[in-house]
Amino acid sequence: MSNQQPATGGLEKVILIVYDNDDESRVVLAVGQLFQGVVYVLFTAGDVTAFQQRQSQVNIVATGFDITALERENLTGVEPLRLTGELLAQFEAYVVGAMKRFDIPGAAVSVV
């Protein structure tokens, strides 16, 4: 299963791929990030239980994956956008679509 994630911070495209495998006790996934014609890929594979127990460590690795060619935006002093009107409608459509894709019957969403 694959789906496109919101691309932020200068990335052109972000894809999450969860690979089908015959062993339900294992998880294999990849995140591809496209920037200036180059795809940067982070692969993860492991035992489902261990993966769930070590999710914090997996997140540290994933968030530490830095594309050095990508200049990070400095948002110091920038006024945040209000989540109203068209932006709110797009956000709600994304959440509803994600819930359908992952067969999630309900969700509580908070924007900070």
PDB file of N, CA and C in Angstrom:
ATOM      1  N   MET A   1       0.857  -1.163   0.000  1.00  0.00           N
ATOM      2  CA  MET A   1       0.000   0.000   0.000  1.00  0.00           C
ATOM      3  C   MET A   1       0.905   1.228   0.000  1.00  0.00           C
ATOM      4  N   SER A   2       0.567   2.207  -0.787  1.00  0.00           N
ATOM      5  CA  SER A   2       1.321   3.452  -0.766  1.00  0.00           C
ATOM      6  C   SER A   2       0.342   4.613  -0.809  1.00  0.00           C
ATOM      7  N   ASN A   3       0.782   5.718  -0.219  1.00  0.00           N
ATOM      8  CA  ASN A   3      -0.023   6.920  -0.322  1.00  0.00           C
ATOM      9  C   ASN A   3       0.877   8.136  -0.225  1.00  0.00           C
ATOM     10  N   GLN A   4       0.417   9.191  -0.861  1.00  0.00           N
ATOM     11  CA  GLN A   4       1.174  10.435  -0.857  1.00  0.00           C
ATOM     12  C   GLN A   4       0.864  11.206   0.413  1.00  0.00           C
ATOM     13  N   GLN A   5       1.910  11.704   1.037  1.00  0.00           N
ATOM     14  CA  GLN A   5       1.790  12.503   2.249  1.00  0.00           C
ATOM     15  C   GLN A   5       1.939  13.982   1.876  1.00  0.00           C
ATOM     16  N   PRO A   6       1.509  14.889   2.744  1.00  0.00           N
ATOM     17  CA  PRO A   6       1.720  16.310   2.447  1.00  0.00           C
ATOM     18  C   PRO A   6       3.217  16.625   2.384  1.00  0.00           C
ATOM     19  N   ALA A   7       3.643  17.272   1.317  1.00  0.00           N
ATOM     20  CA  ALA A   7       5.045  17.671   1.169  1.00  0.00           C
ATOM     21  C   ALA A   7       5.227  19.047   1.780  1.00  0.00           C
ATOM     22  N   THR A   8       6.159  19.166   2.703  1.00  0.00           N
ATOM     23  CA  THR A   8       6.397  20.437   3.374  1.00  0.00           C
ATOM     24  C   THR A   8       7.885  20.766   3.341  1.00  0.00           C
ATOM     25  N   GLY A   9       8.216  21.979   3.750  1.00  0.00           N
ATOM     26  CA  GLY A   9       9.606  22.368   3.924  1.00  0.00           C
ATOM     27  C   GLY A   9      10.450  22.335   2.671  1.00  0.00           C
ATOM     28  N   GLY A  10       9.833  22.563   1.504  1.00  0.00           N
ATOM     29  CA  GLY A  10      10.592  22.586   0.266  1.00  0.00           C
ATOM     30  C   GLY A  10      10.614  21.272  -0.486  1.00  0.00           C
ATOM     31  N   LEU A  11      10.132  20.202   0.121  1.00  0.00           N
ATOM     32  CA  LEU A  11      10.067  18.918  -0.576  1.00  0.00           C
ATOM     33  C   LEU A  11       9.008  18.989  -1.673  1.00  0.00           C
ATOM     34  N   GLU A  12       9.252  18.280  -2.765  1.00  0.00           N
ATOM     35  CA  GLU A  12       8.308  18.285  -3.876  1.00  0.00           C
ATOM     36  C   GLU A  12       7.225  17.224  -3.711  1.00  0.00           C
ATOM     37  N   LYS A  13       7.605  16.082  -3.122  1.00  0.00           N
ATOM     38  CA  LYS A  13       6.655  14.983  -2.962  1.00  0.00           C
ATOM     39  C   LYS A  13       7.142  14.074  -1.845  1.00  0.00           C
ATOM     40  N   VAL A  14       6.197  13.508  -1.085  1.00  0.00           N
ATOM     41  CA  VAL A  14       6.517  12.540  -0.034  1.00  0.00           C
ATOM     42  C   VAL A  14       5.571  11.357  -0.201  1.00  0.00           C
ATOM     43  N   ILE A  15       6.141  10.153  -0.265  1.00  0.00           N
ATOM     44  CA  ILE A  15       5.355   8.933  -0.433  1.00  0.00           C
ATOM     45  C   ILE A  15       5.679   7.969   0.707  1.00  0.00           C
ATOM     46  N   LEU A  16       4.657   7.396   1.307  1.00  0.00           N
ATOM     47  CA  LEU A  16       4.811   6.346   2.315  1.00  0.00           C
ATOM     48  C   LEU A  16       4.391   5.033   1.666  1.00  0.00           C
ATOM     49  N   ILE A  17       5.269   4.025   1.758  1.00  0.00           N
ATOM     50  CA  ILE A  17       4.974   2.706   1.191  1.00  0.00           C
ATOM     51  C   ILE A  17       5.043   1.678   2.307  1.00  0.00           C
ATOM     52  N   VAL A  18       3.949   0.936   2.493  1.00  0.00           N
ATOM     53  CA  VAL A  18       3.921  -0.192   3.420  1.00  0.00           C
ATOM     54  C   VAL A  18       3.884  -1.441   2.544  1.00  0.00           C
ATOM     55  N   TYR A  19       4.947  -2.235   2.620  1.00  0.00           N
ATOM     56  CA  TYR A  19       5.079  -3.397   1.750  1.00  0.00           C
ATOM     57  C   TYR A  19       4.247  -4.563   2.255  1.00  0.00           C
ATOM     58  N   ASP A  20       3.575  -5.252   1.315  1.00  0.00           N
ATOM     59  CA  ASP A  20       2.881  -6.498   1.631  1.00  0.00           C
ATOM     60  C   ASP A  20       3.943  -7.577   1.782  1.00  0.00           C
ATOM     61  N   ASN A  21       3.810  -8.394   2.815  1.00  0.00           N
ATOM     62  CA  ASN A  21       4.706  -9.531   2.946  1.00  0.00           C
ATOM     63  C   ASN A  21       3.923 -10.694   3.538  1.00  0.00           C
ATOM     64  N   ASP A  22       4.437 -11.887   3.370  1.00  0.00           N
ATOM     65  CA  ASP A  22       3.725 -13.091   3.809  1.00  0.00           C
ATOM     66  C   ASP A  22       3.796 -13.300   5.315  1.00  0.00           C
ATOM     67  N   ASP A  23       4.694 -12.604   5.981  1.00  0.00           N
ATOM     68  CA  ASP A  23       4.886 -12.777   7.421  1.00  0.00           C
ATOM     69  C   ASP A  23       4.214 -11.628   8.159  1.00  0.00           C
ATOM     70  N   GLU A  24       3.046 -11.888   8.746  1.00  0.00           N
ATOM     71  CA  GLU A  24       2.296 -10.830   9.432  1.00  0.00           C
ATOM     72  C   GLU A  24       2.967 -10.361  10.715  1.00  0.00           C
ATOM     73  N   SER A  25       4.006 -11.068  11.159  1.00  0.00           N
ATOM     74  CA  SER A  25       4.716 -10.646  12.362  1.00  0.00           C
ATOM     75  C   SER A  25       5.816  -9.628  12.035  1.00  0.00           C
ATOM     76  N   ARG A  26       5.993  -9.311  10.738  1.00  0.00           N
ATOM     77  CA  ARG A  26       7.013  -8.342  10.329  1.00  0.00           C
ATOM     78  C   ARG A  26       6.368  -7.151   9.629  1.00  0.00           C
ATOM     79  N   VAL A  27       7.001  -6.004   9.764  1.00  0.00           N
ATOM     80  CA  VAL A  27       6.574  -4.802   9.067  1.00  0.00           C
ATOM     81  C   VAL A  27       7.751  -4.310   8.223  1.00  0.00           C
ATOM     82  N   VAL A  28       7.424  -3.911   6.994  1.00  0.00           N
ATOM     83  CA  VAL A  28       8.427  -3.363   6.088  1.00  0.00           C
ATOM     84  C   VAL A  28       7.820  -2.116   5.453  1.00  0.00           C
ATOM     85  N   LEU A  29       8.479  -0.974   5.640  1.00  0.00           N
ATOM     86  CA  LEU A  29       7.950   0.253   5.065  1.00  0.00           C
ATOM     87  C   LEU A  29       9.080   1.152   4.609  1.00  0.00           C
ATOM     88  N   ALA A  30       8.717   2.111   3.762  1.00  0.00           N
ATOM     89  CA  ALA A  30       9.681   3.079   3.244  1.00  0.00           C
ATOM     90  C   ALA A  30       9.000   4.437   3.111  1.00  0.00           C
ATOM     91  N   VAL A  31       9.791   5.480   3.302  1.00  0.00           N
ATOM     92  CA  VAL A  31       9.332   6.840   3.060  1.00  0.00           C
ATOM     93  C   VAL A  31      10.263   7.428   2.010  1.00  0.00           C
ATOM     94  N   GLY A  32       9.687   7.875   0.897  1.00  0.00           N
ATOM     95  CA  GLY A  32      10.462   8.516  -0.160  1.00  0.00           C
ATOM     96  C   GLY A  32      10.165   9.998  -0.185  1.00  0.00           C
ATOM     97  N   GLN A  33      11.230  10.800  -0.225  1.00  0.00           N
ATOM     98  CA  GLN A  33      11.084  12.251  -0.260  1.00  0.00           C
ATOM     99  C   GLN A  33      11.786  12.775  -1.506  1.00  0.00           C
ATOM    100  N   LEU A  34      11.037  13.462  -2.378  1.00  0.00           N
ATOM    101  CA  LEU A  34      11.578  13.981  -3.628  1.00  0.00           C
ATOM    102  C   LEU A  34      12.000  15.431  -3.452  1.00  0.00           C
ATOM    103  N   PHE A  35      13.277  15.709  -3.823  1.00  0.00           N
ATOM    104  CA  PHE A  35      13.784  17.080  -3.795  1.00  0.00           C
ATOM    105  C   PHE A  35      14.747  17.265  -4.959  1.00  0.00           C
ATOM    106  N   GLN A  36      14.443  18.197  -5.834  1.00  0.00           N
ATOM    107  CA  GLN A  36      15.260  18.536  -7.001  1.00  0.00           C
ATOM    108  C   GLN A  36      15.641  17.307  -7.817  1.00  0.00           C
ATOM    109  N   GLY A  37      14.654  16.447  -8.083  1.00  0.00           N
ATOM    110  CA  GLY A  37      14.863  15.298  -8.940  1.00  0.00           C
ATOM    111  C   GLY A  37      15.549  14.113  -8.287  1.00  0.00           C
ATOM    112  N   VAL A  38      15.849  14.202  -7.002  1.00  0.00           N
ATOM    113  CA  VAL A  38      16.488  13.106  -6.271  1.00  0.00           C
ATOM    114  C   VAL A  38      15.519  12.608  -5.207  1.00  0.00           C
ATOM    115  N   VAL A  39      15.348  11.278  -5.127  1.00  0.00           N
ATOM    116  CA  VAL A  39      14.489  10.691  -4.108  1.00  0.00           C
ATOM    117  C   VAL A  39      15.368  10.185  -2.967  1.00  0.00           C
ATOM    118  N   TYR A  40      15.085  10.657  -1.776  1.00  0.00           N
ATOM    119  CA  TYR A  40      15.770  10.230  -0.564  1.00  0.00           C
ATOM    120  C   TYR A  40      14.844   9.244   0.141  1.00  0.00           C
ATOM    121  N   VAL A  41      15.347   8.033   0.416  1.00  0.00           N
ATOM    122  CA  VAL A  41      14.496   6.965   0.929  1.00  0.00           C
ATOM    123  C   VAL A  41      14.988   6.502   2.293  1.00  0.00           C
ATOM    124  N   LEU A  42      14.052   6.340   3.210  1.00  0.00           N
ATOM    125  CA  LEU A  42      14.320   5.782   4.531  1.00  0.00           C
ATOM    126  C   LEU A  42      13.538   4.470   4.619  1.00  0.00           C
ATOM    127  N   PHE A  43      14.262   3.344   4.697  1.00  0.00           N
ATOM    128  CA  PHE A  43      13.637   2.029   4.810  1.00  0.00           C
ATOM    129  C   PHE A  43      13.616   1.599   6.267  1.00  0.00           C
ATOM    130  N   THR A  44      12.532   0.933   6.658  1.00  0.00           N
ATOM    131  CA  THR A  44      12.411   0.372   7.994  1.00  0.00           C
ATOM    132  C   THR A  44      11.808  -1.021   7.873  1.00  0.00           C
ATOM    133  N   ALA A  45      12.406  -1.972   8.589  1.00  0.00           N
ATOM    134  CA  ALA A  45      11.875  -3.338   8.582  1.00  0.00           C
ATOM    135  C   ALA A  45      12.136  -3.949   9.949  1.00  0.00           C
ATOM    136  N   GLY A  46      11.201  -4.744  10.410  1.00  0.00           N
ATOM    137  CA  GLY A  46      11.411  -5.400  11.692  1.00  0.00           C
ATOM    138  C   GLY A  46      10.191  -6.141  12.171  1.00  0.00           C
ATOM    139  N   ASP A  47      10.344  -6.757  13.310  1.00  0.00           N
ATOM    140  CA  ASP A  47       9.265  -7.471  13.978  1.00  0.00           C
ATOM    141  C   ASP A  47       8.204  -6.463  14.421  1.00  0.00           C
ATOM    142  N   VAL A  48       6.932  -6.756  14.168  1.00  0.00           N
ATOM    143  CA  VAL A  48       5.851  -5.821  14.485  1.00  0.00           C
ATOM    144  C   VAL A  48       5.852  -5.442  15.964  1.00  0.00           C
ATOM    145  N   THR A  49       5.983  -6.431  16.841  1.00  0.00           N
ATOM    146  CA  THR A  49       5.957  -6.146  18.279  1.00  0.00           C
ATOM    147  C   THR A  49       7.136  -5.259  18.672  1.00  0.00           C
ATOM    148  N   ALA A  50       8.323  -5.597  18.188  1.00  0.00           N
ATOM    149  CA  ALA A  50       9.506  -4.784  18.504  1.00  0.00           C
ATOM    150  C   ALA A  50       9.361  -3.381  17.930  1.00  0.00           C
ATOM    151  N   PHE A  51       8.802  -3.299  16.730  1.00  0.00           N
ATOM    152  CA  PHE A  51       8.582  -2.004  16.087  1.00  0.00           C
ATOM    153  C   PHE A  51       7.646  -1.143  16.937  1.00  0.00           C
ATOM    154  N   GLN A  52       6.564  -1.747  17.433  1.00  0.00           N
ATOM    155  CA  GLN A  52       5.617  -1.010  18.269  1.00  0.00           C
ATOM    156  C   GLN A  52       6.269  -0.588  19.584  1.00  0.00           C
ATOM    157  N   GLN A  53       7.062  -1.473  20.175  1.00  0.00           N
ATOM    158  CA  GLN A  53       7.708  -1.166  21.445  1.00  0.00           C
ATOM    159  C   GLN A  53       8.791  -0.108  21.300  1.00  0.00           C
ATOM    160  N   ARG A  54       9.374  -0.012  20.125  1.00  0.00           N
ATOM    161  CA  ARG A  54      10.483   0.921  19.886  1.00  0.00           C
ATOM    162  C   ARG A  54      10.075   2.090  18.996  1.00  0.00           C
ATOM    163  N   GLN A  55       8.796   2.400  18.944  1.00  0.00           N
ATOM    164  CA  GLN A  55       8.305   3.458  18.065  1.00  0.00           C
ATOM    165  C   GLN A  55       8.966   4.804  18.339  1.00  0.00           C
ATOM    166  N   SER A  56       9.239   5.116  19.593  1.00  0.00           N
ATOM    167  CA  SER A  56       9.898   6.382  19.918  1.00  0.00           C
ATOM    168  C   SER A  56      11.279   6.458  19.283  1.00  0.00           C
ATOM    169  N   GLN A  57      12.030   5.365  19.358  1.00  0.00           N
ATOM    170  CA  GLN A  57      13.361   5.350  18.760  1.00  0.00           C
ATOM    171  C   GLN A  57      13.283   5.440  17.234  1.00  0.00           C
ATOM    172  N   VAL A  58      12.292   4.762  16.641  1.00  0.00           N
ATOM    173  CA  VAL A  58      12.102   4.841  15.192  1.00  0.00           C
ATOM    174  C   VAL A  58      11.796   6.284  14.796  1.00  0.00           C
ATOM    175  N   ASN A  59      10.967   6.969  15.572  1.00  0.00           N
ATOM    176  CA  ASN A  59      10.634   8.366  15.281  1.00  0.00           C
ATOM    177  C   ASN A  59      11.849   9.269  15.395  1.00  0.00           C
ATOM    178  N   ILE A  60      12.724   9.003  16.355  1.00  0.00           N
ATOM    179  CA  ILE A  60      13.950   9.799  16.493  1.00  0.00           C
ATOM    180  C   ILE A  60      14.811   9.651  15.241  1.00  0.00           C
ATOM    181  N   VAL A  61      14.953   8.422  14.762  1.00  0.00           N
ATOM    182  CA  VAL A  61      15.731   8.183  13.543  1.00  0.00           C
ATOM    183  C   VAL A  61      15.068   8.887  12.357  1.00  0.00           C
ATOM    184  N   ALA A  62      13.765   8.732  12.220  1.00  0.00           N
ATOM    185  CA  ALA A  62      13.051   9.309  11.077  1.00  0.00           C
ATOM    186  C   ALA A  62      13.119  10.833  11.085  1.00  0.00           C
ATOM    187  N   THR A  63      12.956  11.450  12.236  1.00  0.00           N
ATOM    188  CA  THR A  63      12.994  12.917  12.291  1.00  0.00           C
ATOM    189  C   THR A  63      14.412  13.452  12.199  1.00  0.00           C
ATOM    190  N   GLY A  64      15.394  12.605  12.460  1.00  0.00           N
ATOM    191  CA  GLY A  64      16.784  13.014  12.330  1.00  0.00           C
ATOM    192  C   GLY A  64      17.328  12.832  10.924  1.00  0.00           C
ATOM    193  N   PHE A  65      16.520  12.237  10.040  1.00  0.00           N
ATOM    194  CA  PHE A  65      16.920  12.018   8.646  1.00  0.00           C
ATOM    195  C   PHE A  65      16.908  13.369   7.951  1.00  0.00           C
ATOM    196  N   ASP A  66      18.087  13.926   7.683  1.00  0.00           N
ATOM    197  CA  ASP A  66      18.208  15.281   7.170  1.00  0.00           C
ATOM    198  C   ASP A  66      18.705  15.284   5.735  1.00  0.00           C
ATOM    199  N   ILE A  67      18.001  15.949   4.863  1.00  0.00           N
ATOM    200  CA  ILE A  67      18.444  16.129   3.482  1.00  0.00           C
ATOM    201  C   ILE A  67      19.272  17.406   3.463  1.00  0.00           C
ATOM    202  N   THR A  68      20.587  17.261   3.391  1.00  0.00           N
ATOM    203  CA  THR A  68      21.470  18.421   3.518  1.00  0.00           C
ATOM    204  C   THR A  68      21.340  19.394   2.353  1.00  0.00           C
ATOM    205  N   ALA A  69      20.863  18.942   1.197  1.00  0.00           N
ATOM    206  CA  ALA A  69      20.667  19.833   0.050  1.00  0.00           C
ATOM    207  C   ALA A  69      19.458  20.748   0.242  1.00  0.00           C
ATOM    208  N   LEU A  70      18.634  20.434   1.204  1.00  0.00           N
ATOM    209  CA  LEU A  70      17.398  21.169   1.441  1.00  0.00           C
ATOM    210  C   LEU A  70      17.624  22.252   2.494  1.00  0.00           C
ATOM    211  N   GLU A  71      17.401  23.489   2.111  1.00  0.00           N
ATOM    212  CA  GLU A  71      17.529  24.590   3.065  1.00  0.00           C
ATOM    213  C   GLU A  71      16.269  24.655   3.912  1.00  0.00           C
ATOM    214  N   ARG A  72      16.440  24.687   5.200  1.00  0.00           N
ATOM    215  CA  ARG A  72      15.298  24.748   6.122  1.00  0.00           C
ATOM    216  C   ARG A  72      14.815  26.189   6.247  1.00  0.00           C
ATOM    217  N   GLU A  73      13.505  26.313   6.288  1.00  0.00           N
ATOM    218  CA  GLU A  73      12.918  27.637   6.473  1.00  0.00           C
ATOM    219  C   GLU A  73      13.031  28.054   7.927  1.00  0.00           C
ATOM    220  N   ASN A  74      13.325  29.316   8.145  1.00  0.00           N
ATOM    221  CA  ASN A  74      13.351  29.866   9.486  1.00  0.00           C
ATOM    222  C   ASN A  74      12.046  30.634   9.685  1.00  0.00           C
ATOM    223  N   LEU A  75      11.188  30.114  10.542  1.00  0.00           N
ATOM    224  CA  LEU A  75       9.873  30.723  10.753  1.00  0.00           C
ATOM    225  C   LEU A  75       9.833  31.639  11.978  1.00  0.00           C
ATOM    226  N   THR A  76      10.999  31.999  12.486  1.00  0.00           N
ATOM    227  CA  THR A  76      11.056  32.906  13.629  1.00  0.00           C
ATOM    228  C   THR A  76      10.383  34.220  13.257  1.00  0.00           C
ATOM    229  N   GLY A  77       9.426  34.625  14.057  1.00  0.00           N
ATOM    230  CA  GLY A  77       8.735  35.890  13.844  1.00  0.00           C
ATOM    231  C   GLY A  77       7.650  35.862  12.780  1.00  0.00           C
ATOM    232  N   VAL A  78       7.403  34.722  12.176  1.00  0.00           N
ATOM    233  CA  VAL A  78       6.365  34.622  11.147  1.00  0.00           C
ATOM    234  C   VAL A  78       5.021  34.373  11.822  1.00  0.00           C
ATOM    235  N   GLU A  79       4.021  35.139  11.429  1.00  0.00           N
ATOM    236  CA  GLU A  79       2.673  34.985  11.975  1.00  0.00           C
ATOM    237  C   GLU A  79       2.058  33.693  11.431  1.00  0.00           C
ATOM    238  N   PRO A  80       1.564  32.805  12.311  1.00  0.00           N
ATOM    239  CA  PRO A  80       0.966  31.555  11.822  1.00  0.00           C
ATOM    240  C   PRO A  80      -0.327  31.816  11.046  1.00  0.00           C
ATOM    241  N   LEU A  81      -0.594  30.948  10.070  1.00  0.00           N
ATOM    242  CA  LEU A  81      -1.838  31.040   9.309  1.00  0.00           C
ATOM    243  C   LEU A  81      -3.002  30.587  10.183  1.00  0.00           C
ATOM    244  N   ARG A  82      -4.118  31.222  10.018  1.00  0.00           N
ATOM    245  CA  ARG A  82      -5.330  30.796  10.704  1.00  0.00           C
ATOM    246  C   ARG A  82      -5.956  29.663   9.899  1.00  0.00           C
ATOM    247  N   LEU A  83      -6.423  28.648  10.588  1.00  0.00           N
ATOM    248  CA  LEU A  83      -7.025  27.496   9.931  1.00  0.00           C
ATOM    249  C   LEU A  83      -8.511  27.775   9.734  1.00  0.00           C
ATOM    250  N   THR A  84      -8.809  28.571   8.711  1.00  0.00           N
ATOM    251  CA  THR A  84     -10.189  28.949   8.408  1.00  0.00           C
ATOM    252  C   THR A  84     -10.410  28.840   6.910  1.00  0.00           C
ATOM    253  N   GLY A  85     -11.659  28.924   6.511  1.00  0.00           N
ATOM    254  CA  GLY A  85     -12.014  28.976   5.094  1.00  0.00           C
ATOM    255  C   GLY A  85     -11.488  27.814   4.286  1.00  0.00           C
ATOM    256  N   GLU A  86     -10.854  28.137   3.149  1.00  0.00           N
ATOM    257  CA  GLU A  86     -10.373  27.139   2.197  1.00  0.00           C
ATOM    258  C   GLU A  86      -9.295  26.242   2.817  1.00  0.00           C
ATOM    259  N   LEU A  87      -8.409  26.803   3.629  1.00  0.00           N
ATOM    260  CA  LEU A  87      -7.368  26.008   4.271  1.00  0.00           C
ATOM    261  C   LEU A  87      -7.976  24.970   5.218  1.00  0.00           C
ATOM    262  N   LEU A  88      -9.000  25.372   5.967  1.00  0.00           N
ATOM    263  CA  LEU A  88      -9.698  24.449   6.862  1.00  0.00           C
ATOM    264  C   LEU A  88     -10.407  23.359   6.056  1.00  0.00           C
ATOM    265  N   ALA A  89     -11.025  23.718   4.950  1.00  0.00           N
ATOM    266  CA  ALA A  89     -11.715  22.735   4.108  1.00  0.00           C
ATOM    267  C   ALA A  89     -10.724  21.717   3.547  1.00  0.00           C
ATOM    268  N   GLN A  90      -9.547  22.168   3.104  1.00  0.00           N
ATOM    269  CA  GLN A  90      -8.514  21.253   2.602  1.00  0.00           C
ATOM    270  C   GLN A  90      -8.027  20.311   3.699  1.00  0.00           C
ATOM    271  N   PHE A  91      -7.825  20.860   4.895  1.00  0.00           N
ATOM    272  CA  PHE A  91      -7.365  20.047   6.019  1.00  0.00           C
ATOM    273  C   PHE A  91      -8.406  18.988   6.379  1.00  0.00           C
ATOM    274  N   GLU A  92      -9.657  19.395   6.460  1.00  0.00           N
ATOM    275  CA  GLU A  92     -10.728  18.448   6.780  1.00  0.00           C
ATOM    276  C   GLU A  92     -10.838  17.356   5.717  1.00  0.00           C
ATOM    277  N   ALA A  93     -10.705  17.722   4.447  1.00  0.00           N
ATOM    278  CA  ALA A  93     -10.762  16.738   3.362  1.00  0.00           C
ATOM    279  C   ALA A  93      -9.601  15.756   3.466  1.00  0.00           C
ATOM    280  N   TYR A  94      -8.427  16.240   3.838  1.00  0.00           N
ATOM    281  CA  TYR A  94      -7.269  15.357   4.007  1.00  0.00           C
ATOM    282  C   TYR A  94      -7.521  14.353   5.135  1.00  0.00           C
ATOM    283  N   VAL A  95      -8.031  14.835   6.270  1.00  0.00           N
ATOM    284  CA  VAL A  95      -8.290  13.960   7.417  1.00  0.00           C
ATOM    285  C   VAL A  95      -9.340  12.908   7.052  1.00  0.00           C
ATOM    286  N   VAL A  96     -10.427  13.327   6.423  1.00  0.00           N
ATOM    287  CA  VAL A  96     -11.487  12.394   6.030  1.00  0.00           C
ATOM    288  C   VAL A  96     -10.933  11.356   5.044  1.00  0.00           C
ATOM    289  N   GLY A  97     -10.145  11.800   4.080  1.00  0.00           N
ATOM    290  CA  GLY A  97      -9.556  10.885   3.112  1.00  0.00           C
ATOM    291  C   GLY A  97      -8.622   9.875   3.766  1.00  0.00           C
ATOM    292  N   ALA A  98      -7.803  10.343   4.708  1.00  0.00           N
ATOM    293  CA  ALA A  98      -6.887   9.446   5.419  1.00  0.00           C
ATOM    294  C   ALA A  98      -7.665   8.435   6.259  1.00  0.00           C
ATOM    295  N   MET A  99      -8.746   8.869   6.883  1.00  0.00           N
ATOM    296  CA  MET A  99      -9.562   7.950   7.679  1.00  0.00           C
ATOM    297  C   MET A  99     -10.157   6.855   6.793  1.00  0.00           C
ATOM    298  N   LYS A 100     -10.601   7.219   5.600  1.00  0.00           N
ATOM    299  CA  LYS A 100     -11.160   6.225   4.675  1.00  0.00           C
ATOM    300  C   LYS A 100     -10.073   5.262   4.199  1.00  0.00           C
ATOM    301  N   ARG A 101      -8.887   5.802   3.824  1.00  0.00           N
ATOM    302  CA  ARG A 101      -7.789   4.958   3.323  1.00  0.00           C
ATOM    303  C   ARG A 101      -7.357   3.924   4.349  1.00  0.00           C
ATOM    304  N   PHE A 102      -7.327   4.328   5.622  1.00  0.00           N
ATOM    305  CA  PHE A 102      -6.839   3.439   6.670  1.00  0.00           C
ATOM    306  C   PHE A 102      -7.966   2.770   7.446  1.00  0.00           C
ATOM    307  N   ASP A 103      -9.210   2.950   6.961  1.00  0.00           N
ATOM    308  CA  ASP A 103     -10.382   2.330   7.575  1.00  0.00           C
ATOM    309  C   ASP A 103     -10.484   2.668   9.063  1.00  0.00           C
ATOM    310  N   ILE A 104     -10.389   3.958   9.368  1.00  0.00           N
ATOM    311  CA  ILE A 104     -10.483   4.453  10.745  1.00  0.00           C
ATOM    312  C   ILE A 104     -11.885   5.022  10.944  1.00  0.00           C
ATOM    313  N   PRO A 105     -12.651   4.477  11.885  1.00  0.00           N
ATOM    314  CA  PRO A 105     -14.041   4.900  12.035  1.00  0.00           C
ATOM    315  C   PRO A 105     -14.216   6.289  12.652  1.00  0.00           C
ATOM    316  N   GLY A 106     -13.243   6.788  13.395  1.00  0.00           N
ATOM    317  CA  GLY A 106     -13.377   8.095  14.026  1.00  0.00           C
ATOM    318  C   GLY A 106     -12.038   8.593  14.494  1.00  0.00           C
ATOM    319  N   ALA A 107     -11.932   9.898  14.691  1.00  0.00           N
ATOM    320  CA  ALA A 107     -10.660  10.478  15.144  1.00  0.00           C
ATOM    321  C   ALA A 107     -10.913  11.801  15.846  1.00  0.00           C
ATOM    322  N   ALA A 108     -10.095  12.095  16.821  1.00  0.00           N
ATOM    323  CA  ALA A 108     -10.070  13.413  17.451  1.00  0.00           C
ATOM    324  C   ALA A 108      -8.812  14.103  16.967  1.00  0.00           C
ATOM    325  N   VAL A 109      -8.957  15.287  16.382  1.00  0.00           N
ATOM    326  CA  VAL A 109      -7.818  15.987  15.791  1.00  0.00           C
ATOM    327  C   VAL A 109      -7.639  17.311  16.494  1.00  0.00           C
ATOM    328  N   SER A 110      -6.400  17.614  16.837  1.00  0.00           N
ATOM    329  CA  SER A 110      -6.067  18.884  17.475  1.00  0.00           C
ATOM    330  C   SER A 110      -4.980  19.572  16.667  1.00  0.00           C
ATOM    331  N   VAL A 111      -5.152  20.856  16.427  1.00  0.00           N
ATOM    332  CA  VAL A 111      -4.141  21.637  15.713  1.00  0.00           C
ATOM    333  C   VAL A 111      -3.600  22.664  16.699  1.00  0.00           C
ATOM    334  N   VAL A 112      -2.292  22.607  16.874  1.00  0.00           N
ATOM    335  CA  VAL A 112      -1.655  23.528  17.832  1.00  0.00           C
ATOM    336  C   VAL A 112      -0.809  24.524  17.080  1.00  0.00           C
TER     337      VAL A 112
END
